[in-house]
Amino acid sequence: MLLDIMWQCARRLHNKSVTTTYQQRAEKLIVDIVASVPYHIAPDMSDFPEHLEKGTTQTSYGRPVGGLLLLHPIYVGSVCSIVPDSKQRYFRRCLRLIGQNMGIGQAELLSKITVKPAAGLEAAHLPYLQPILHLPFQQMAEGHILIWAGMLLHSL
């Protein structure tokens, strides 16, 4: 997220060398996150990309804690402007898979986020503006409370 903010600032300042540096860092992070997804959620890593592309399900998935660990990085990758559209779609498919097959409904909610331009501003006129993300607040708040309660119970 921070890299995306710095990249946007560099773009606004028309600093091409810094923008390129941030893009290279982002590409490395994206590759690392994409590579870690099968290890966290799939028992058979060789078949995972094929199942994800086709939209089919595997017979079993890893422990839900793997999906929880990936929830934030995958979500951030699905909404950051520095991430290419193809990778954003991949991350959304991963979130949907986690939500549907690992019992983490919040992941499926995150995969359905609608991105809208800021109120009263046209994206065509001001393309550098961050879009406003519309989340179903009540479901997200309940999910965060459940995670928080689970961490409290674990510490007892």
N, C-alpha and C. Protein backbone atom coordinates (compact mmCIF):
# COMPACT_ATOMS: atom_id res chain seq x y z
N MET A 1 0.83 -1.19 0.00
CA MET A 1 0.00 0.00 0.00
C MET A 1 0.87 1.25 0.00
N LEU A 2 1.89 1.25 0.83
CA LEU A 2 2.76 2.42 0.91
C LEU A 2 3.53 2.63 -0.39
N LEU A 3 3.97 1.55 -0.98
CA LEU A 3 4.67 1.65 -2.26
C LEU A 3 3.76 2.24 -3.33
N ASP A 4 2.49 1.87 -3.30
CA ASP A 4 1.52 2.41 -4.25
C ASP A 4 1.35 3.92 -4.03
N ILE A 5 1.29 4.35 -2.80
CA ILE A 5 1.16 5.78 -2.50
C ILE A 5 2.39 6.55 -2.97
N MET A 6 3.57 6.00 -2.69
CA MET A 6 4.81 6.67 -3.12
C MET A 6 4.89 6.71 -4.64
N TRP A 7 4.47 5.63 -5.31
CA TRP A 7 4.48 5.58 -6.76
C TRP A 7 3.56 6.65 -7.35
N GLN A 8 2.37 6.79 -6.75
CA GLN A 8 1.43 7.81 -7.23
C GLN A 8 2.00 9.21 -7.04
N CYS A 9 2.65 9.45 -5.90
CA CYS A 9 3.28 10.76 -5.67
C CYS A 9 4.36 11.03 -6.71
N ALA A 10 5.19 10.04 -6.98
CA ALA A 10 6.25 10.21 -7.98
C ALA A 10 5.66 10.47 -9.37
N ARG A 11 4.57 9.79 -9.69
CA ARG A 11 3.90 10.04 -10.98
C ARG A 11 3.38 11.47 -11.06
N ARG A 12 2.79 11.94 -9.98
CA ARG A 12 2.26 13.31 -9.97
C ARG A 12 3.37 14.35 -10.11
N LEU A 13 4.55 14.01 -9.58
CA LEU A 13 5.70 14.91 -9.68
C LEU A 13 6.48 14.70 -10.97
N HIS A 14 6.04 13.77 -11.79
CA HIS A 14 6.67 13.45 -13.08
C HIS A 14 8.13 13.06 -12.92
N ASN A 15 8.40 12.27 -11.88
CA ASN A 15 9.75 11.80 -11.62
C ASN A 15 9.86 10.38 -12.17
N LYS A 16 10.27 10.27 -13.42
CA LYS A 16 10.28 8.99 -14.14
C LYS A 16 11.21 7.96 -13.52
N SER A 17 12.40 8.38 -13.07
CA SER A 17 13.35 7.40 -12.52
C SER A 17 12.84 6.79 -11.21
N VAL A 18 12.24 7.61 -10.36
CA VAL A 18 11.70 7.10 -9.10
C VAL A 18 10.48 6.21 -9.38
N THR A 19 9.64 6.63 -10.32
CA THR A 19 8.47 5.83 -10.69
C THR A 19 8.90 4.45 -11.17
N THR A 20 9.92 4.40 -12.01
CA THR A 20 10.43 3.13 -12.51
C THR A 20 10.97 2.26 -11.37
N THR A 21 11.68 2.87 -10.44
CA THR A 21 12.21 2.13 -9.30
C THR A 21 11.08 1.52 -8.48
N TYR A 22 10.03 2.30 -8.23
CA TYR A 22 8.89 1.80 -7.45
C TYR A 22 8.16 0.69 -8.21
N GLN A 23 8.05 0.82 -9.52
CA GLN A 23 7.40 -0.22 -10.31
C GLN A 23 8.19 -1.54 -10.24
N GLN A 24 9.50 -1.45 -10.28
CA GLN A 24 10.33 -2.65 -10.18
C GLN A 24 10.18 -3.31 -8.82
N ARG A 25 10.15 -2.50 -7.77
CA ARG A 25 9.93 -3.06 -6.42
C ARG A 25 8.56 -3.73 -6.33
N ALA A 26 7.56 -3.06 -6.88
CA ALA A 26 6.20 -3.61 -6.83
C ALA A 26 6.13 -4.93 -7.60
N GLU A 27 6.77 -5.00 -8.76
CA GLU A 27 6.76 -6.24 -9.54
C GLU A 27 7.37 -7.39 -8.75
N LYS A 28 8.44 -7.12 -8.04
CA LYS A 28 9.06 -8.16 -7.22
C LYS A 28 8.12 -8.62 -6.10
N LEU A 29 7.48 -7.67 -5.43
CA LEU A 29 6.53 -8.02 -4.37
C LEU A 29 5.35 -8.82 -4.93
N ILE A 30 4.85 -8.41 -6.07
CA ILE A 30 3.72 -9.10 -6.68
C ILE A 30 4.10 -10.54 -7.02
N VAL A 31 5.26 -10.73 -7.61
CA VAL A 31 5.73 -12.08 -7.94
C VAL A 31 5.86 -12.93 -6.67
N ASP A 32 6.39 -12.34 -5.60
CA ASP A 32 6.53 -13.07 -4.34
C ASP A 32 5.17 -13.47 -3.76
N ILE A 33 4.22 -12.55 -3.80
CA ILE A 33 2.88 -12.86 -3.26
C ILE A 33 2.21 -13.94 -4.10
N VAL A 34 2.28 -13.79 -5.42
CA VAL A 34 1.66 -14.79 -6.31
C VAL A 34 2.28 -16.17 -6.06
N ALA A 35 3.59 -16.22 -5.87
CA ALA A 35 4.27 -17.50 -5.64
C ALA A 35 3.88 -18.12 -4.30
N SER A 36 3.53 -17.30 -3.31
CA SER A 36 3.22 -17.84 -1.99
C SER A 36 1.78 -18.33 -1.86
N VAL A 37 0.91 -17.91 -2.76
CA VAL A 37 -0.51 -18.28 -2.65
C VAL A 37 -0.71 -19.80 -2.61
N PRO A 38 -0.20 -20.57 -3.56
CA PRO A 38 -0.45 -22.02 -3.51
C PRO A 38 0.08 -22.67 -2.23
N TYR A 39 1.19 -22.19 -1.71
CA TYR A 39 1.78 -22.79 -0.51
C TYR A 39 0.90 -22.58 0.71
N HIS A 40 0.12 -21.52 0.72
CA HIS A 40 -0.72 -21.21 1.87
C HIS A 40 -2.09 -21.86 1.81
N ILE A 41 -2.61 -22.07 0.62
CA ILE A 41 -4.01 -22.53 0.57
C ILE A 41 -4.25 -23.83 -0.18
N ALA A 42 -3.26 -24.37 -0.86
CA ALA A 42 -3.49 -25.57 -1.66
C ALA A 42 -2.60 -26.72 -1.19
N PRO A 43 -3.19 -27.89 -0.94
CA PRO A 43 -2.36 -29.03 -0.56
C PRO A 43 -1.55 -29.57 -1.74
N ASP A 44 -2.09 -29.42 -2.96
CA ASP A 44 -1.38 -29.86 -4.16
C ASP A 44 -1.06 -28.62 -4.99
N MET A 45 0.15 -28.13 -4.84
CA MET A 45 0.53 -26.86 -5.46
C MET A 45 0.64 -26.93 -6.97
N SER A 46 0.90 -28.10 -7.51
CA SER A 46 1.08 -28.20 -8.96
C SER A 46 -0.24 -27.98 -9.71
N ASP A 47 -1.36 -28.39 -9.13
CA ASP A 47 -2.66 -28.25 -9.79
C ASP A 47 -3.35 -26.93 -9.49
N PHE A 48 -2.86 -26.18 -8.52
CA PHE A 48 -3.57 -24.97 -8.07
C PHE A 48 -3.81 -23.96 -9.18
N PRO A 49 -2.78 -23.55 -9.95
CA PRO A 49 -3.03 -22.54 -10.99
C PRO A 49 -4.07 -22.99 -12.01
N GLU A 50 -4.06 -24.26 -12.36
CA GLU A 50 -5.03 -24.78 -13.33
C GLU A 50 -6.44 -24.70 -12.78
N HIS A 51 -6.63 -25.09 -11.51
CA HIS A 51 -7.95 -25.03 -10.89
C HIS A 51 -8.44 -23.59 -10.78
N LEU A 52 -7.54 -22.69 -10.46
CA LEU A 52 -7.91 -21.28 -10.31
C LEU A 52 -8.32 -20.69 -11.65
N GLU A 53 -7.59 -21.01 -12.71
CA GLU A 53 -7.91 -20.49 -14.05
C GLU A 53 -9.25 -21.01 -14.54
N LYS A 54 -9.49 -22.31 -14.35
CA LYS A 54 -10.73 -22.92 -14.85
C LYS A 54 -11.92 -22.63 -13.97
N GLY A 55 -11.66 -22.19 -12.73
CA GLY A 55 -12.76 -21.95 -11.80
C GLY A 55 -13.27 -23.22 -11.15
N THR A 56 -12.50 -24.30 -11.28
CA THR A 56 -12.90 -25.56 -10.65
C THR A 56 -12.32 -25.61 -9.24
N THR A 57 -12.84 -26.52 -8.44
CA THR A 57 -12.34 -26.63 -7.08
C THR A 57 -11.53 -27.90 -6.92
N GLN A 58 -10.58 -27.84 -6.02
CA GLN A 58 -9.80 -29.03 -5.69
C GLN A 58 -10.61 -29.85 -4.70
N THR A 59 -10.16 -31.07 -4.46
CA THR A 59 -10.89 -31.91 -3.52
C THR A 59 -10.74 -31.40 -2.09
N SER A 60 -9.61 -30.79 -1.78
CA SER A 60 -9.42 -30.23 -0.44
C SER A 60 -8.50 -29.03 -0.51
N TYR A 61 -8.57 -28.23 0.51
CA TYR A 61 -7.70 -27.06 0.61
C TYR A 61 -6.98 -27.12 1.94
N GLY A 62 -5.96 -26.30 2.07
CA GLY A 62 -5.19 -26.28 3.30
C GLY A 62 -6.00 -25.73 4.46
N ARG A 63 -5.33 -25.55 5.56
CA ARG A 63 -6.00 -25.02 6.74
C ARG A 63 -6.42 -23.58 6.51
N PRO A 64 -7.54 -23.17 7.07
CA PRO A 64 -8.02 -21.79 6.87
C PRO A 64 -7.04 -20.71 7.34
N VAL A 65 -6.13 -21.06 8.23
CA VAL A 65 -5.17 -20.05 8.69
C VAL A 65 -4.32 -19.54 7.52
N GLY A 66 -4.07 -20.37 6.53
CA GLY A 66 -3.34 -19.93 5.34
C GLY A 66 -4.11 -18.86 4.59
N GLY A 67 -5.42 -19.05 4.48
CA GLY A 67 -6.26 -18.04 3.84
C GLY A 67 -6.30 -16.76 4.64
N LEU A 68 -6.34 -16.87 5.97
CA LEU A 68 -6.34 -15.67 6.81
C LEU A 68 -5.03 -14.91 6.67
N LEU A 69 -3.92 -15.63 6.59
CA LEU A 69 -2.62 -14.97 6.44
C LEU A 69 -2.53 -14.21 5.12
N LEU A 70 -3.14 -14.74 4.09
CA LEU A 70 -3.07 -14.11 2.77
C LEU A 70 -4.12 -13.03 2.54
N LEU A 71 -5.11 -12.97 3.40
CA LEU A 71 -6.25 -12.08 3.19
C LEU A 71 -5.83 -10.64 2.91
N HIS A 72 -5.00 -10.07 3.76
CA HIS A 72 -4.62 -8.67 3.59
C HIS A 72 -3.71 -8.44 2.38
N PRO A 73 -2.62 -9.19 2.22
CA PRO A 73 -1.76 -8.93 1.05
C PRO A 73 -2.48 -9.13 -0.29
N ILE A 74 -3.34 -10.12 -0.36
CA ILE A 74 -4.06 -10.36 -1.61
C ILE A 74 -5.07 -9.25 -1.86
N TYR A 75 -5.76 -8.82 -0.81
CA TYR A 75 -6.71 -7.72 -0.97
C TYR A 75 -6.00 -6.45 -1.44
N VAL A 76 -4.89 -6.12 -0.80
CA VAL A 76 -4.13 -4.92 -1.19
C VAL A 76 -3.70 -5.04 -2.65
N GLY A 77 -3.23 -6.20 -3.05
CA GLY A 77 -2.83 -6.40 -4.44
C GLY A 77 -3.98 -6.28 -5.41
N SER A 78 -5.19 -6.56 -4.95
CA SER A 78 -6.35 -6.49 -5.84
C SER A 78 -6.87 -5.08 -6.04
N VAL A 79 -6.42 -4.12 -5.22
CA VAL A 79 -6.94 -2.75 -5.34
C VAL A 79 -5.88 -1.69 -5.61
N CYS A 80 -4.60 -2.01 -5.47
CA CYS A 80 -3.55 -1.00 -5.68
C CYS A 80 -3.39 -0.69 -7.16
N SER A 81 -3.21 0.58 -7.45
CA SER A 81 -3.10 1.00 -8.85
C SER A 81 -1.78 0.62 -9.50
N ILE A 82 -0.76 0.34 -8.71
CA ILE A 82 0.54 -0.04 -9.25
C ILE A 82 0.53 -1.50 -9.74
N VAL A 83 -0.46 -2.27 -9.31
CA VAL A 83 -0.57 -3.68 -9.68
C VAL A 83 -1.29 -3.78 -11.03
N PRO A 84 -0.71 -4.51 -11.99
CA PRO A 84 -1.36 -4.66 -13.31
C PRO A 84 -2.76 -5.29 -13.18
N ASP A 85 -3.64 -4.95 -14.11
CA ASP A 85 -5.01 -5.45 -14.09
C ASP A 85 -5.08 -6.97 -14.06
N SER A 86 -4.21 -7.63 -14.81
CA SER A 86 -4.26 -9.10 -14.84
C SER A 86 -3.97 -9.69 -13.46
N LYS A 87 -3.04 -9.10 -12.74
CA LYS A 87 -2.73 -9.59 -11.39
C LYS A 87 -3.84 -9.23 -10.41
N GLN A 88 -4.48 -8.07 -10.60
CA GLN A 88 -5.60 -7.72 -9.74
C GLN A 88 -6.73 -8.73 -9.90
N ARG A 89 -6.99 -9.14 -11.14
CA ARG A 89 -8.03 -10.15 -11.38
C ARG A 89 -7.63 -11.49 -10.73
N TYR A 90 -6.36 -11.85 -10.84
CA TYR A 90 -5.86 -13.08 -10.21
C TYR A 90 -6.09 -13.03 -8.70
N PHE A 91 -5.75 -11.90 -8.09
CA PHE A 91 -5.92 -11.76 -6.64
C PHE A 91 -7.40 -11.84 -6.26
N ARG A 92 -8.28 -11.27 -7.07
CA ARG A 92 -9.72 -11.35 -6.78
C ARG A 92 -10.21 -12.79 -6.88
N ARG A 93 -9.71 -13.54 -7.87
CA ARG A 93 -10.08 -14.96 -7.98
C ARG A 93 -9.60 -15.73 -6.75
N CYS A 94 -8.39 -15.40 -6.28
CA CYS A 94 -7.87 -16.06 -5.08
C CYS A 94 -8.73 -15.74 -3.87
N LEU A 95 -9.13 -14.49 -3.73
CA LEU A 95 -10.01 -14.11 -2.61
C LEU A 95 -11.34 -14.86 -2.68
N ARG A 96 -11.89 -14.95 -3.88
CA ARG A 96 -13.15 -15.67 -4.06
C ARG A 96 -12.99 -17.14 -3.70
N LEU A 97 -11.88 -17.74 -4.12
CA LEU A 97 -11.60 -19.13 -3.80
C LEU A 97 -11.48 -19.33 -2.30
N ILE A 98 -10.75 -18.45 -1.62
CA ILE A 98 -10.60 -18.54 -0.17
C ILE A 98 -11.96 -18.44 0.51
N GLY A 99 -12.78 -17.50 0.04
CA GLY A 99 -14.10 -17.32 0.64
C GLY A 99 -15.02 -18.51 0.43
N GLN A 100 -15.02 -19.07 -0.77
CA GLN A 100 -15.94 -20.15 -1.09
C GLN A 100 -15.49 -21.50 -0.58
N ASN A 101 -14.18 -21.74 -0.49
CA ASN A 101 -13.71 -23.09 -0.19
C ASN A 101 -13.02 -23.24 1.15
N MET A 102 -12.70 -22.14 1.80
CA MET A 102 -12.00 -22.23 3.08
C MET A 102 -12.84 -21.69 4.23
N GLY A 103 -14.06 -21.27 3.94
CA GLY A 103 -14.96 -20.81 4.99
C GLY A 103 -14.66 -19.43 5.54
N ILE A 104 -13.98 -18.60 4.77
CA ILE A 104 -13.65 -17.24 5.22
C ILE A 104 -14.46 -16.29 4.36
N GLY A 105 -15.67 -16.00 4.79
CA GLY A 105 -16.59 -15.19 4.01
C GLY A 105 -16.09 -13.79 3.74
N GLN A 106 -15.27 -13.26 4.62
CA GLN A 106 -14.74 -11.92 4.42
C GLN A 106 -13.90 -11.85 3.14
N ALA A 107 -13.22 -12.92 2.81
CA ALA A 107 -12.42 -12.94 1.57
C ALA A 107 -13.32 -12.77 0.36
N GLU A 108 -14.46 -13.44 0.37
CA GLU A 108 -15.37 -13.30 -0.77
C GLU A 108 -15.94 -11.89 -0.84
N LEU A 109 -16.22 -11.29 0.31
CA LEU A 109 -16.68 -9.89 0.32
C LEU A 109 -15.62 -8.97 -0.27
N LEU A 110 -14.37 -9.20 0.09
CA LEU A 110 -13.29 -8.37 -0.43
C LEU A 110 -13.12 -8.55 -1.93
N SER A 111 -13.44 -9.73 -2.44
CA SER A 111 -13.30 -9.97 -3.88
C SER A 111 -14.37 -9.25 -4.69
N LYS A 112 -15.44 -8.80 -4.03
CA LYS A 112 -16.56 -8.16 -4.73
C LYS A 112 -16.56 -6.65 -4.58
N ILE A 113 -15.47 -6.07 -4.15
CA ILE A 113 -15.42 -4.63 -3.93
C ILE A 113 -15.67 -3.89 -5.24
N THR A 114 -16.50 -2.88 -5.16
CA THR A 114 -16.73 -2.03 -6.32
C THR A 114 -15.86 -0.79 -6.19
N VAL A 115 -15.21 -0.42 -7.25
CA VAL A 115 -14.33 0.75 -7.24
C VAL A 115 -15.03 1.86 -8.00
N LYS A 116 -15.25 2.98 -7.32
CA LYS A 116 -15.92 4.12 -7.94
C LYS A 116 -15.06 5.36 -7.77
N PRO A 117 -15.09 6.27 -8.75
CA PRO A 117 -14.32 7.50 -8.60
C PRO A 117 -14.88 8.35 -7.47
N ALA A 118 -14.07 9.23 -6.94
CA ALA A 118 -14.49 10.12 -5.86
C ALA A 118 -15.71 10.92 -6.29
N ALA A 119 -16.61 11.18 -5.36
CA ALA A 119 -17.86 11.87 -5.65
C ALA A 119 -17.60 13.24 -6.27
N GLY A 120 -18.32 13.52 -7.37
CA GLY A 120 -18.22 14.82 -8.02
C GLY A 120 -16.99 15.01 -8.89
N LEU A 121 -16.15 14.01 -8.99
CA LEU A 121 -14.94 14.13 -9.79
C LEU A 121 -14.95 13.08 -10.90
N GLU A 122 -14.62 13.48 -12.06
CA GLU A 122 -14.56 12.56 -13.19
C GLU A 122 -13.17 11.97 -13.30
N ALA A 123 -13.07 10.67 -13.36
CA ALA A 123 -11.78 9.99 -13.47
C ALA A 123 -11.07 10.37 -14.77
N ALA A 124 -11.83 10.66 -15.81
CA ALA A 124 -11.22 11.01 -17.09
C ALA A 124 -10.46 12.33 -17.00
N HIS A 125 -10.95 13.26 -16.19
CA HIS A 125 -10.29 14.56 -16.05
C HIS A 125 -9.13 14.52 -15.06
N LEU A 126 -9.28 13.70 -14.04
CA LEU A 126 -8.25 13.61 -12.99
C LEU A 126 -7.90 12.14 -12.76
N PRO A 127 -7.16 11.52 -13.68
CA PRO A 127 -6.91 10.08 -13.59
C PRO A 127 -6.03 9.68 -12.42
N TYR A 128 -5.33 10.61 -11.81
CA TYR A 128 -4.43 10.26 -10.72
C TYR A 128 -5.14 10.14 -9.38
N LEU A 129 -6.43 10.51 -9.31
CA LEU A 129 -7.14 10.43 -8.04
C LEU A 129 -7.40 8.98 -7.65
N GLN A 130 -7.27 8.72 -6.37
CA GLN A 130 -7.58 7.39 -5.85
C GLN A 130 -9.08 7.16 -5.89
N PRO A 131 -9.55 6.01 -6.33
CA PRO A 131 -10.98 5.72 -6.28
C PRO A 131 -11.41 5.46 -4.84
N ILE A 132 -12.68 5.66 -4.59
CA ILE A 132 -13.23 5.35 -3.28
C ILE A 132 -13.72 3.91 -3.34
N LEU A 133 -13.32 3.10 -2.37
CA LEU A 133 -13.72 1.70 -2.33
C LEU A 133 -14.96 1.57 -1.45
N HIS A 134 -15.99 0.95 -1.98
CA HIS A 134 -17.23 0.79 -1.23
C HIS A 134 -17.27 -0.63 -0.67
N LEU A 135 -17.19 -0.72 0.63
CA LEU A 135 -17.23 -2.01 1.30
C LEU A 135 -18.55 -2.14 2.06
N PRO A 136 -19.08 -3.35 2.15
CA PRO A 136 -20.25 -3.55 3.00
C PRO A 136 -19.83 -3.44 4.46
N PHE A 137 -20.05 -2.28 5.07
CA PHE A 137 -19.47 -1.95 6.36
C PHE A 137 -19.84 -2.96 7.45
N GLN A 138 -21.11 -3.31 7.58
CA GLN A 138 -21.53 -4.17 8.68
C GLN A 138 -20.83 -5.53 8.61
N GLN A 139 -20.78 -6.14 7.43
CA GLN A 139 -20.13 -7.44 7.30
C GLN A 139 -18.63 -7.33 7.59
N MET A 140 -18.01 -6.25 7.14
CA MET A 140 -16.57 -6.10 7.37
C MET A 140 -16.30 -5.90 8.86
N ALA A 141 -17.12 -5.09 9.52
CA ALA A 141 -16.94 -4.84 10.95
C ALA A 141 -17.11 -6.14 11.74
N GLU A 142 -18.11 -6.93 11.38
CA GLU A 142 -18.32 -8.20 12.07
C GLU A 142 -17.14 -9.14 11.86
N GLY A 143 -16.60 -9.16 10.64
CA GLY A 143 -15.44 -10.01 10.38
C GLY A 143 -14.23 -9.59 11.19
N HIS A 144 -13.99 -8.29 11.30
CA HIS A 144 -12.86 -7.81 12.10
C HIS A 144 -13.04 -8.14 13.57
N ILE A 145 -14.27 -8.04 14.07
CA ILE A 145 -14.53 -8.36 15.48
C ILE A 145 -14.28 -9.84 15.72
N LEU A 146 -14.67 -10.70 14.79
CA LEU A 146 -14.44 -12.13 14.95
C LEU A 146 -12.95 -12.45 14.99
N ILE A 147 -12.19 -11.83 14.11
CA ILE A 147 -10.74 -12.06 14.09
C ILE A 147 -10.11 -11.56 15.39
N TRP A 148 -10.53 -10.38 15.83
CA TRP A 148 -10.02 -9.80 17.07
C TRP A 148 -10.35 -10.71 18.25
N ALA A 149 -11.59 -11.20 18.32
CA ALA A 149 -11.97 -12.11 19.40
C ALA A 149 -11.16 -13.40 19.36
N GLY A 150 -10.92 -13.91 18.15
CA GLY A 150 -10.12 -15.12 18.03
C GLY A 150 -8.69 -14.93 18.54
N MET A 151 -8.12 -13.76 18.29
CA MET A 151 -6.77 -13.48 18.79
C MET A 151 -6.79 -13.38 20.32
N LEU A 152 -7.84 -12.79 20.88
CA LEU A 152 -7.94 -12.69 22.35
C LEU A 152 -8.04 -14.08 22.98
N LEU A 153 -8.86 -14.93 22.38
CA LEU A 153 -9.01 -16.29 22.91
C LEU A 153 -7.71 -17.06 22.82
N HIS A 154 -6.96 -16.84 21.76
CA HIS A 154 -5.69 -17.53 21.58
C HIS A 154 -4.67 -17.11 22.63
N SER A 155 -4.75 -15.86 23.06
CA SER A 155 -3.76 -15.38 24.03
C SER A 155 -4.06 -15.82 25.45
N LEU A 156 -5.27 -16.34 25.69
CA LEU A 156 -5.63 -16.78 27.06
C LEU A 156 -4.99 -18.06 27.45
